[in-house]
């Protein structure tokens, strides 16, 4: 999704010397200014953290999720993914966006990827179809899990049946435009 330029305001804040040094070091390592880094931090807070906290989200290392997935039978994984897909995306959309439509669902996937580290997100369109590519290092079972969560979530929240290409390190979702 393309973000439009927004008007900005100047705000002065007081930081401890230690916090300022930490921000400066991290900004230098990313080759951005401290101001840009603070803007990124505050954007993440506004788009994700303030909601994630209320939505009872937890953070786990990818290694932990991968181990759980590998210990799970494919049939059980698909059943749970479908159950999650029917419930969680719709709740998320209503909580975050106050609506369930294709635009908000695509934004939901983008947020999960950008801040929840589900995958690397890419969106393209040919004017008739949205093509969402999710790239990850989590293996085949993660792709399988995402496929069924997304299928149920899109059908329940948007009312359309997407098409999928499932691979070990990627999931491609094709959704016809309304």
N, C-alpha and C. Protein backbone atom coordinates (compact mmCIF):
# COMPACT_ATOMS: atom_id res chain seq x y z
N UNK A 1 0.85 -1.16 0.00
CA UNK A 1 0.00 0.00 0.00
C UNK A 1 0.90 1.23 0.00
N UNK A 2 0.58 2.19 -0.81
CA UNK A 2 1.37 3.41 -0.91
C UNK A 2 0.93 4.37 0.17
N UNK A 3 1.92 4.92 0.86
CA UNK A 3 1.61 5.87 1.92
C UNK A 3 1.81 7.28 1.37
N UNK A 4 0.81 8.12 1.57
CA UNK A 4 0.90 9.50 1.11
C UNK A 4 1.69 10.33 2.12
N UNK A 5 2.31 11.40 1.63
CA UNK A 5 3.01 12.31 2.53
C UNK A 5 2.00 13.01 3.41
N UNK A 6 2.33 13.09 4.69
CA UNK A 6 1.43 13.74 5.64
C UNK A 6 2.12 14.96 6.21
N UNK A 7 1.31 15.91 6.66
CA UNK A 7 1.87 17.08 7.32
C UNK A 7 2.58 16.63 8.59
N UNK A 8 3.64 17.32 8.92
CA UNK A 8 4.41 16.97 10.11
C UNK A 8 4.37 18.11 11.12
N UNK A 9 4.70 17.79 12.36
CA UNK A 9 4.83 18.78 13.41
C UNK A 9 6.19 18.59 14.07
N UNK A 10 6.71 19.65 14.63
CA UNK A 10 7.97 19.59 15.35
C UNK A 10 7.67 19.37 16.82
N UNK A 11 8.33 18.38 17.42
CA UNK A 11 8.12 18.09 18.83
C UNK A 11 9.50 17.94 19.47
N UNK A 12 9.67 18.56 20.62
CA UNK A 12 10.92 18.45 21.37
C UNK A 12 10.69 17.50 22.54
N UNK A 13 11.64 16.58 22.73
CA UNK A 13 11.53 15.65 23.86
C UNK A 13 12.84 15.64 24.64
N UNK A 14 12.75 15.26 25.89
CA UNK A 14 13.93 15.15 26.74
C UNK A 14 14.23 13.67 26.93
N UNK A 15 15.50 13.28 26.67
CA UNK A 15 15.93 11.89 26.79
C UNK A 15 17.10 11.80 27.76
N UNK A 16 17.25 10.66 28.39
CA UNK A 16 18.45 10.43 29.19
C UNK A 16 19.64 10.33 28.25
N UNK A 17 20.81 10.62 28.74
CA UNK A 17 22.03 10.55 27.93
C UNK A 17 22.23 9.13 27.40
N UNK A 18 21.97 8.13 28.24
CA UNK A 18 22.15 6.74 27.83
C UNK A 18 21.20 6.37 26.69
N UNK A 19 19.95 6.79 26.79
CA UNK A 19 18.98 6.51 25.75
C UNK A 19 19.36 7.21 24.45
N UNK A 20 19.82 8.46 24.55
CA UNK A 20 20.24 9.19 23.37
C UNK A 20 21.42 8.49 22.69
N UNK A 21 22.37 8.02 23.47
CA UNK A 21 23.53 7.32 22.89
C UNK A 21 23.10 6.03 22.21
N UNK A 22 22.20 5.30 22.84
CA UNK A 22 21.69 4.06 22.25
C UNK A 22 21.00 4.35 20.91
N UNK A 23 20.14 5.36 20.89
CA UNK A 23 19.44 5.74 19.66
C UNK A 23 20.43 6.18 18.58
N UNK A 24 21.42 6.97 18.97
CA UNK A 24 22.42 7.45 18.02
C UNK A 24 23.20 6.27 17.42
N UNK A 25 23.62 5.33 18.25
CA UNK A 25 24.37 4.16 17.77
C UNK A 25 23.51 3.32 16.83
N UNK A 26 22.27 3.07 17.21
CA UNK A 26 21.39 2.27 16.35
C UNK A 26 21.08 2.99 15.05
N UNK A 27 20.85 4.29 15.12
CA UNK A 27 20.59 5.07 13.90
C UNK A 27 21.80 5.04 12.98
N UNK A 28 22.99 5.21 13.54
CA UNK A 28 24.21 5.16 12.74
C UNK A 28 24.37 3.81 12.05
N UNK A 29 24.08 2.73 12.77
CA UNK A 29 24.22 1.39 12.18
C UNK A 29 23.22 1.17 11.04
N UNK A 30 22.09 1.87 11.09
CA UNK A 30 21.08 1.76 10.03
C UNK A 30 21.23 2.84 8.97
N UNK A 31 22.22 3.74 9.19
CA UNK A 31 22.49 4.84 8.26
C UNK A 31 21.28 5.77 8.09
N UNK A 32 20.63 6.05 9.22
CA UNK A 32 19.53 7.01 9.23
C UNK A 32 19.76 7.98 10.38
N UNK A 33 19.03 9.06 10.38
CA UNK A 33 19.15 10.03 11.47
C UNK A 33 18.37 9.53 12.69
N UNK A 34 18.71 10.10 13.84
CA UNK A 34 17.96 9.77 15.05
C UNK A 34 16.50 10.19 14.89
N UNK A 35 16.27 11.32 14.25
CA UNK A 35 14.89 11.77 14.00
C UNK A 35 14.11 10.78 13.17
N UNK A 36 14.75 10.25 12.11
CA UNK A 36 14.09 9.24 11.27
C UNK A 36 13.84 7.96 12.06
N UNK A 37 14.80 7.61 12.91
CA UNK A 37 14.63 6.41 13.72
C UNK A 37 13.47 6.59 14.71
N UNK A 38 13.40 7.74 15.35
CA UNK A 38 12.30 8.01 16.27
C UNK A 38 10.96 8.01 15.54
N UNK A 39 10.94 8.53 14.33
CA UNK A 39 9.72 8.52 13.53
C UNK A 39 9.30 7.07 13.24
N UNK A 40 10.27 6.21 12.89
CA UNK A 40 9.98 4.80 12.65
C UNK A 40 9.43 4.12 13.91
N UNK A 41 10.04 4.42 15.05
CA UNK A 41 9.61 3.83 16.32
C UNK A 41 8.18 4.27 16.64
N UNK A 42 7.90 5.54 16.46
CA UNK A 42 6.56 6.05 16.77
C UNK A 42 5.52 5.55 15.77
N UNK A 43 5.92 5.38 14.51
CA UNK A 43 5.01 4.82 13.52
C UNK A 43 4.66 3.38 13.89
N UNK A 44 5.66 2.60 14.28
CA UNK A 44 5.40 1.22 14.72
C UNK A 44 4.46 1.22 15.92
N UNK A 45 4.68 2.12 16.85
CA UNK A 45 3.79 2.21 18.00
C UNK A 45 2.35 2.50 17.55
N UNK A 46 2.20 3.48 16.65
CA UNK A 46 0.84 3.87 16.24
C UNK A 46 0.15 2.80 15.40
N UNK A 47 0.92 2.06 14.58
CA UNK A 47 0.32 1.06 13.69
C UNK A 47 0.21 -0.32 14.32
N UNK A 48 1.03 -0.61 15.33
CA UNK A 48 1.09 -1.98 15.82
C UNK A 48 1.06 -2.10 17.34
N UNK A 49 2.06 -1.55 18.01
CA UNK A 49 2.27 -1.82 19.44
C UNK A 49 1.06 -1.47 20.31
N UNK A 50 0.45 -0.33 20.07
CA UNK A 50 -0.66 0.07 20.93
C UNK A 50 -1.86 -0.87 20.80
N UNK A 51 -2.02 -1.47 19.62
CA UNK A 51 -3.10 -2.44 19.42
C UNK A 51 -2.67 -3.83 19.88
N UNK A 52 -1.45 -4.22 19.56
CA UNK A 52 -0.97 -5.56 19.91
C UNK A 52 -1.03 -5.78 21.41
N UNK A 53 -0.73 -4.75 22.16
CA UNK A 53 -0.79 -4.83 23.61
C UNK A 53 -2.22 -5.14 24.07
N UNK A 54 -3.19 -4.47 23.49
CA UNK A 54 -4.60 -4.67 23.85
C UNK A 54 -5.13 -6.00 23.31
N UNK A 55 -4.52 -6.50 22.24
CA UNK A 55 -4.99 -7.72 21.58
C UNK A 55 -4.32 -8.96 22.15
N UNK A 56 -3.53 -8.80 23.20
CA UNK A 56 -2.85 -9.91 23.90
C UNK A 56 -1.93 -10.72 22.99
N UNK A 57 -1.11 -10.02 22.20
CA UNK A 57 -0.17 -10.68 21.32
C UNK A 57 1.12 -10.96 22.09
N UNK A 58 1.81 -12.03 21.69
CA UNK A 58 3.09 -12.35 22.30
C UNK A 58 4.15 -12.44 21.21
N UNK A 59 5.39 -12.30 21.60
CA UNK A 59 6.51 -12.41 20.67
C UNK A 59 7.28 -13.70 20.96
N UNK A 60 7.52 -14.46 19.93
CA UNK A 60 8.32 -15.68 20.03
C UNK A 60 9.36 -15.68 18.93
N UNK A 61 10.49 -16.30 19.19
CA UNK A 61 11.50 -16.45 18.15
C UNK A 61 10.97 -17.36 17.05
N UNK A 62 11.41 -17.13 15.82
CA UNK A 62 11.00 -17.98 14.71
C UNK A 62 11.39 -19.43 14.96
N UNK A 63 12.52 -19.63 15.58
CA UNK A 63 13.00 -20.97 15.90
C UNK A 63 11.99 -21.73 16.76
N UNK A 64 11.37 -21.04 17.69
CA UNK A 64 10.36 -21.66 18.57
C UNK A 64 9.13 -22.06 17.77
N UNK A 65 8.64 -21.16 16.93
CA UNK A 65 7.47 -21.45 16.10
C UNK A 65 7.77 -22.61 15.16
N UNK A 66 8.95 -22.59 14.54
CA UNK A 66 9.35 -23.67 13.63
C UNK A 66 9.34 -25.03 14.35
N UNK A 67 9.86 -25.07 15.57
CA UNK A 67 9.90 -26.32 16.34
C UNK A 67 8.49 -26.82 16.65
N UNK A 68 7.60 -25.91 17.01
CA UNK A 68 6.20 -26.29 17.29
C UNK A 68 5.55 -26.83 16.01
N UNK A 69 5.77 -26.15 14.90
CA UNK A 69 5.18 -26.59 13.63
C UNK A 69 5.70 -27.96 13.22
N UNK A 70 6.99 -28.18 13.36
CA UNK A 70 7.58 -29.47 12.97
C UNK A 70 7.05 -30.62 13.83
N UNK A 71 6.65 -30.32 15.05
CA UNK A 71 6.11 -31.35 15.95
C UNK A 71 4.62 -31.58 15.73
N UNK A 72 4.02 -30.84 14.81
CA UNK A 72 2.58 -30.90 14.58
C UNK A 72 2.27 -31.67 13.30
N UNK A 73 1.32 -32.57 13.38
CA UNK A 73 0.83 -33.33 12.24
C UNK A 73 0.15 -32.36 11.25
N UNK A 74 0.34 -32.58 9.94
CA UNK A 74 -0.23 -31.68 8.92
C UNK A 74 -1.74 -31.54 9.05
N UNK A 75 -2.44 -32.64 9.28
CA UNK A 75 -3.91 -32.57 9.39
C UNK A 75 -4.34 -31.71 10.57
N UNK A 76 -3.67 -31.89 11.72
CA UNK A 76 -3.99 -31.09 12.91
C UNK A 76 -3.65 -29.63 12.67
N UNK A 77 -2.55 -29.38 11.97
CA UNK A 77 -2.13 -28.01 11.65
C UNK A 77 -3.18 -27.32 10.78
N UNK A 78 -3.67 -28.01 9.79
CA UNK A 78 -4.69 -27.44 8.88
C UNK A 78 -5.98 -27.16 9.64
N UNK A 79 -6.40 -28.08 10.49
CA UNK A 79 -7.63 -27.87 11.28
C UNK A 79 -7.49 -26.63 12.15
N UNK A 80 -6.37 -26.50 12.86
CA UNK A 80 -6.16 -25.34 13.74
C UNK A 80 -6.04 -24.06 12.93
N UNK A 81 -5.34 -24.12 11.80
CA UNK A 81 -5.19 -22.93 10.95
C UNK A 81 -6.56 -22.45 10.48
N UNK A 82 -7.42 -23.36 10.08
CA UNK A 82 -8.77 -22.98 9.64
C UNK A 82 -9.57 -22.36 10.78
N UNK A 83 -9.47 -22.96 11.98
CA UNK A 83 -10.18 -22.41 13.14
C UNK A 83 -9.70 -20.99 13.45
N UNK A 84 -8.40 -20.81 13.40
CA UNK A 84 -7.83 -19.48 13.64
C UNK A 84 -8.27 -18.51 12.55
N UNK A 85 -8.22 -18.97 11.30
CA UNK A 85 -8.57 -18.12 10.17
C UNK A 85 -10.01 -17.62 10.19
N UNK A 86 -10.91 -18.41 10.72
CA UNK A 86 -12.32 -18.01 10.81
C UNK A 86 -12.50 -16.92 11.85
N UNK A 87 -11.70 -16.95 12.91
CA UNK A 87 -11.93 -16.08 14.06
C UNK A 87 -10.99 -14.86 14.13
N UNK A 88 -9.69 -15.11 14.14
CA UNK A 88 -8.72 -14.06 14.47
C UNK A 88 -8.65 -12.92 13.45
N UNK A 89 -8.53 -13.19 12.14
CA UNK A 89 -8.43 -12.06 11.21
C UNK A 89 -9.61 -11.10 11.30
N UNK A 90 -10.81 -11.64 11.39
CA UNK A 90 -12.01 -10.78 11.48
C UNK A 90 -11.96 -9.93 12.75
N UNK A 91 -11.59 -10.55 13.88
CA UNK A 91 -11.47 -9.80 15.13
C UNK A 91 -10.41 -8.71 15.00
N UNK A 92 -9.29 -9.06 14.41
CA UNK A 92 -8.20 -8.12 14.19
C UNK A 92 -8.67 -6.94 13.35
N UNK A 93 -9.34 -7.24 12.23
CA UNK A 93 -9.82 -6.18 11.33
C UNK A 93 -10.78 -5.23 12.04
N UNK A 94 -11.70 -5.79 12.78
CA UNK A 94 -12.67 -4.95 13.49
C UNK A 94 -11.99 -4.13 14.59
N UNK A 95 -11.04 -4.74 15.27
CA UNK A 95 -10.32 -4.06 16.36
C UNK A 95 -9.43 -2.94 15.81
N UNK A 96 -8.69 -3.23 14.74
CA UNK A 96 -7.74 -2.27 14.18
C UNK A 96 -8.43 -1.25 13.27
N UNK A 97 -9.26 -1.72 12.34
CA UNK A 97 -9.78 -0.87 11.26
C UNK A 97 -11.26 -0.55 11.35
N UNK A 98 -12.00 -1.27 12.19
CA UNK A 98 -13.44 -1.07 12.36
C UNK A 98 -14.24 -1.42 11.11
N UNK A 99 -13.65 -2.26 10.24
CA UNK A 99 -14.35 -2.71 9.03
C UNK A 99 -13.67 -3.98 8.50
N UNK A 100 -14.41 -4.73 7.71
CA UNK A 100 -13.86 -5.93 7.07
C UNK A 100 -14.08 -5.81 5.57
N UNK A 101 -13.03 -5.50 4.87
CA UNK A 101 -13.06 -5.42 3.42
C UNK A 101 -11.69 -5.82 2.89
N UNK A 102 -11.58 -5.90 1.59
CA UNK A 102 -10.33 -6.36 0.98
C UNK A 102 -9.16 -5.43 1.31
N UNK A 103 -9.38 -4.14 1.25
CA UNK A 103 -8.31 -3.18 1.54
C UNK A 103 -7.79 -3.34 2.97
N UNK A 104 -8.69 -3.47 3.93
CA UNK A 104 -8.25 -3.64 5.32
C UNK A 104 -7.59 -5.01 5.52
N UNK A 105 -8.04 -6.03 4.80
CA UNK A 105 -7.41 -7.35 4.93
C UNK A 105 -5.98 -7.32 4.40
N UNK A 106 -5.78 -6.66 3.28
CA UNK A 106 -4.42 -6.55 2.74
C UNK A 106 -3.53 -5.76 3.70
N UNK A 107 -4.07 -4.71 4.28
CA UNK A 107 -3.31 -3.92 5.27
C UNK A 107 -2.99 -4.79 6.49
N UNK A 108 -3.92 -5.62 6.90
CA UNK A 108 -3.71 -6.57 8.01
C UNK A 108 -2.52 -7.48 7.72
N UNK A 109 -2.47 -8.07 6.53
CA UNK A 109 -1.36 -8.93 6.16
C UNK A 109 -0.05 -8.14 6.18
N UNK A 110 -0.09 -6.93 5.64
CA UNK A 110 1.11 -6.08 5.62
C UNK A 110 1.61 -5.80 7.04
N UNK A 111 0.70 -5.49 7.95
CA UNK A 111 1.09 -5.23 9.35
C UNK A 111 1.66 -6.49 10.00
N UNK A 112 1.02 -7.64 9.78
CA UNK A 112 1.54 -8.89 10.34
C UNK A 112 2.97 -9.15 9.86
N UNK A 113 3.22 -8.81 8.62
CA UNK A 113 4.56 -9.03 8.06
C UNK A 113 5.55 -7.98 8.55
N UNK A 114 5.17 -6.72 8.49
CA UNK A 114 6.09 -5.65 8.87
C UNK A 114 6.46 -5.67 10.34
N UNK A 115 5.48 -5.92 11.19
CA UNK A 115 5.72 -5.81 12.63
C UNK A 115 5.66 -7.15 13.37
N UNK A 116 4.90 -8.10 12.87
CA UNK A 116 4.82 -9.41 13.51
C UNK A 116 5.83 -10.40 12.95
N UNK A 117 6.55 -9.98 11.90
CA UNK A 117 7.59 -10.81 11.27
C UNK A 117 7.07 -12.14 10.74
N UNK A 118 5.84 -12.16 10.26
CA UNK A 118 5.28 -13.38 9.68
C UNK A 118 6.01 -13.76 8.40
N UNK A 119 6.39 -12.75 7.61
CA UNK A 119 7.05 -12.97 6.33
C UNK A 119 7.47 -11.61 5.78
N UNK A 120 8.14 -11.62 4.65
CA UNK A 120 8.40 -10.38 3.92
C UNK A 120 7.24 -10.22 2.94
N UNK A 121 6.68 -9.03 2.90
CA UNK A 121 5.43 -8.76 2.19
C UNK A 121 5.70 -8.02 0.89
N UNK A 122 5.06 -8.48 -0.18
CA UNK A 122 5.10 -7.76 -1.45
C UNK A 122 3.71 -7.80 -2.06
N UNK A 123 3.26 -6.66 -2.56
CA UNK A 123 1.93 -6.55 -3.16
C UNK A 123 2.06 -6.00 -4.58
N UNK A 124 1.42 -6.69 -5.51
CA UNK A 124 1.35 -6.22 -6.90
C UNK A 124 -0.09 -6.38 -7.37
N UNK A 125 -0.43 -5.61 -8.39
CA UNK A 125 -1.76 -5.75 -8.98
C UNK A 125 -1.65 -5.55 -10.48
N UNK A 126 -2.51 -6.25 -11.20
CA UNK A 126 -2.58 -6.07 -12.65
C UNK A 126 -3.86 -5.34 -13.05
N UNK A 127 -4.55 -4.78 -12.05
CA UNK A 127 -5.81 -4.09 -12.32
C UNK A 127 -7.03 -4.96 -12.10
N UNK A 128 -6.84 -6.28 -12.12
CA UNK A 128 -7.95 -7.22 -11.89
C UNK A 128 -7.72 -8.11 -10.68
N UNK A 129 -6.45 -8.32 -10.35
CA UNK A 129 -6.09 -9.26 -9.29
C UNK A 129 -4.99 -8.67 -8.41
N UNK A 130 -5.15 -8.83 -7.10
CA UNK A 130 -4.06 -8.53 -6.17
C UNK A 130 -3.21 -9.79 -6.06
N UNK A 131 -1.91 -9.63 -6.14
CA UNK A 131 -0.98 -10.74 -5.93
C UNK A 131 -0.11 -10.38 -4.74
N UNK A 132 -0.29 -11.14 -3.66
CA UNK A 132 0.46 -10.91 -2.43
C UNK A 132 1.48 -12.03 -2.31
N UNK A 133 2.74 -11.67 -2.21
CA UNK A 133 3.80 -12.65 -2.03
C UNK A 133 4.33 -12.52 -0.62
N UNK A 134 4.34 -13.63 0.09
CA UNK A 134 4.89 -13.69 1.44
C UNK A 134 6.12 -14.59 1.40
N UNK A 135 7.29 -14.02 1.63
CA UNK A 135 8.54 -14.77 1.64
C UNK A 135 8.99 -14.97 3.08
N UNK A 136 9.44 -16.18 3.41
CA UNK A 136 9.86 -16.46 4.79
C UNK A 136 10.92 -17.56 4.81
N UNK A 137 11.48 -17.77 5.98
CA UNK A 137 12.48 -18.82 6.20
C UNK A 137 11.97 -19.86 7.20
N UNK A 138 10.68 -20.03 7.25
CA UNK A 138 10.07 -20.87 8.28
C UNK A 138 9.72 -22.28 7.81
N UNK A 139 9.87 -22.57 6.54
CA UNK A 139 9.63 -23.92 6.05
C UNK A 139 8.22 -24.17 5.53
N UNK A 140 8.05 -25.39 5.03
CA UNK A 140 6.80 -25.80 4.39
C UNK A 140 5.59 -25.71 5.31
N UNK A 141 5.76 -26.10 6.57
CA UNK A 141 4.61 -26.10 7.48
C UNK A 141 4.12 -24.68 7.78
N UNK A 142 5.01 -23.71 7.81
CA UNK A 142 4.59 -22.32 8.00
C UNK A 142 3.77 -21.87 6.80
N UNK A 143 4.24 -22.22 5.59
CA UNK A 143 3.48 -21.89 4.38
C UNK A 143 2.10 -22.54 4.42
N UNK A 144 2.05 -23.79 4.84
CA UNK A 144 0.78 -24.51 4.94
C UNK A 144 -0.14 -23.85 5.96
N UNK A 145 0.40 -23.52 7.12
CA UNK A 145 -0.37 -22.85 8.16
C UNK A 145 -0.92 -21.52 7.65
N UNK A 146 -0.05 -20.69 7.08
CA UNK A 146 -0.48 -19.38 6.57
C UNK A 146 -1.55 -19.53 5.49
N UNK A 147 -1.40 -20.51 4.62
CA UNK A 147 -2.34 -20.72 3.53
C UNK A 147 -3.76 -20.90 4.07
N UNK A 148 -3.92 -21.77 5.07
CA UNK A 148 -5.26 -22.05 5.57
C UNK A 148 -5.79 -20.95 6.48
N UNK A 149 -4.92 -20.28 7.21
CA UNK A 149 -5.37 -19.11 7.98
C UNK A 149 -5.87 -18.04 7.01
N UNK A 150 -5.09 -17.78 5.96
CA UNK A 150 -5.46 -16.74 4.99
C UNK A 150 -6.71 -17.13 4.21
N UNK A 151 -6.82 -18.38 3.81
CA UNK A 151 -8.00 -18.80 3.06
C UNK A 151 -9.27 -18.56 3.87
N UNK A 152 -9.30 -19.05 5.09
CA UNK A 152 -10.48 -18.87 5.93
C UNK A 152 -10.69 -17.40 6.28
N UNK A 153 -9.60 -16.70 6.57
CA UNK A 153 -9.72 -15.28 6.93
C UNK A 153 -10.28 -14.44 5.80
N UNK A 154 -9.80 -14.68 4.60
CA UNK A 154 -10.27 -13.91 3.44
C UNK A 154 -11.71 -14.27 3.12
N UNK A 155 -12.04 -15.56 3.16
CA UNK A 155 -13.42 -15.97 2.88
C UNK A 155 -14.38 -15.41 3.93
N UNK A 156 -14.00 -15.47 5.19
CA UNK A 156 -14.87 -15.00 6.28
C UNK A 156 -14.98 -13.48 6.31
N UNK A 157 -13.86 -12.79 6.13
CA UNK A 157 -13.84 -11.33 6.28
C UNK A 157 -14.20 -10.58 5.02
N UNK A 158 -13.80 -11.12 3.87
CA UNK A 158 -13.96 -10.39 2.61
C UNK A 158 -15.04 -11.03 1.73
N UNK A 159 -15.26 -12.33 1.90
CA UNK A 159 -16.30 -13.01 1.13
C UNK A 159 -15.86 -13.45 -0.24
N UNK A 160 -14.58 -13.64 -0.45
CA UNK A 160 -14.08 -14.11 -1.73
C UNK A 160 -13.09 -15.25 -1.50
N UNK A 161 -12.96 -16.13 -2.49
CA UNK A 161 -12.05 -17.27 -2.37
C UNK A 161 -10.75 -16.95 -3.10
N UNK A 162 -9.65 -16.84 -2.37
CA UNK A 162 -8.36 -16.57 -3.01
C UNK A 162 -7.78 -17.85 -3.62
N UNK A 163 -6.78 -17.67 -4.48
CA UNK A 163 -6.01 -18.80 -5.01
C UNK A 163 -4.62 -18.73 -4.37
N UNK A 164 -3.98 -19.88 -4.22
CA UNK A 164 -2.70 -19.94 -3.53
C UNK A 164 -1.67 -20.74 -4.30
N UNK A 165 -0.42 -20.35 -4.12
CA UNK A 165 0.73 -21.16 -4.50
C UNK A 165 1.55 -21.31 -3.23
N UNK A 166 1.68 -22.56 -2.77
CA UNK A 166 2.37 -22.84 -1.52
C UNK A 166 3.72 -23.46 -1.82
N UNK A 167 4.77 -22.85 -1.27
CA UNK A 167 6.12 -23.36 -1.42
C UNK A 167 6.80 -23.38 -0.06
N UNK A 168 7.96 -24.01 0.02
CA UNK A 168 8.68 -24.14 1.28
C UNK A 168 9.00 -22.78 1.91
N UNK A 169 9.35 -21.81 1.10
CA UNK A 169 9.75 -20.50 1.63
C UNK A 169 8.87 -19.35 1.20
N UNK A 170 7.69 -19.68 0.66
CA UNK A 170 6.82 -18.59 0.22
C UNK A 170 5.37 -19.04 0.12
N UNK A 171 4.52 -18.05 0.17
CA UNK A 171 3.09 -18.24 -0.08
C UNK A 171 2.66 -17.11 -1.00
N UNK A 172 2.07 -17.46 -2.12
CA UNK A 172 1.56 -16.46 -3.05
C UNK A 172 0.03 -16.53 -2.98
N UNK A 173 -0.57 -15.37 -2.72
CA UNK A 173 -2.02 -15.27 -2.58
C UNK A 173 -2.54 -14.41 -3.73
N UNK A 174 -3.50 -14.92 -4.48
CA UNK A 174 -4.11 -14.16 -5.58
C UNK A 174 -5.57 -13.94 -5.24
N UNK A 175 -5.94 -12.66 -5.21
CA UNK A 175 -7.31 -12.29 -4.85
C UNK A 175 -7.89 -11.43 -5.97
N UNK A 176 -9.01 -11.87 -6.53
CA UNK A 176 -9.68 -11.09 -7.56
C UNK A 176 -10.24 -9.81 -6.94
N UNK A 177 -10.06 -8.70 -7.65
CA UNK A 177 -10.60 -7.42 -7.18
C UNK A 177 -12.11 -7.43 -7.30
N UNK A 178 -12.80 -6.78 -6.36
CA UNK A 178 -14.26 -6.73 -6.43
C UNK A 178 -14.73 -5.89 -7.60
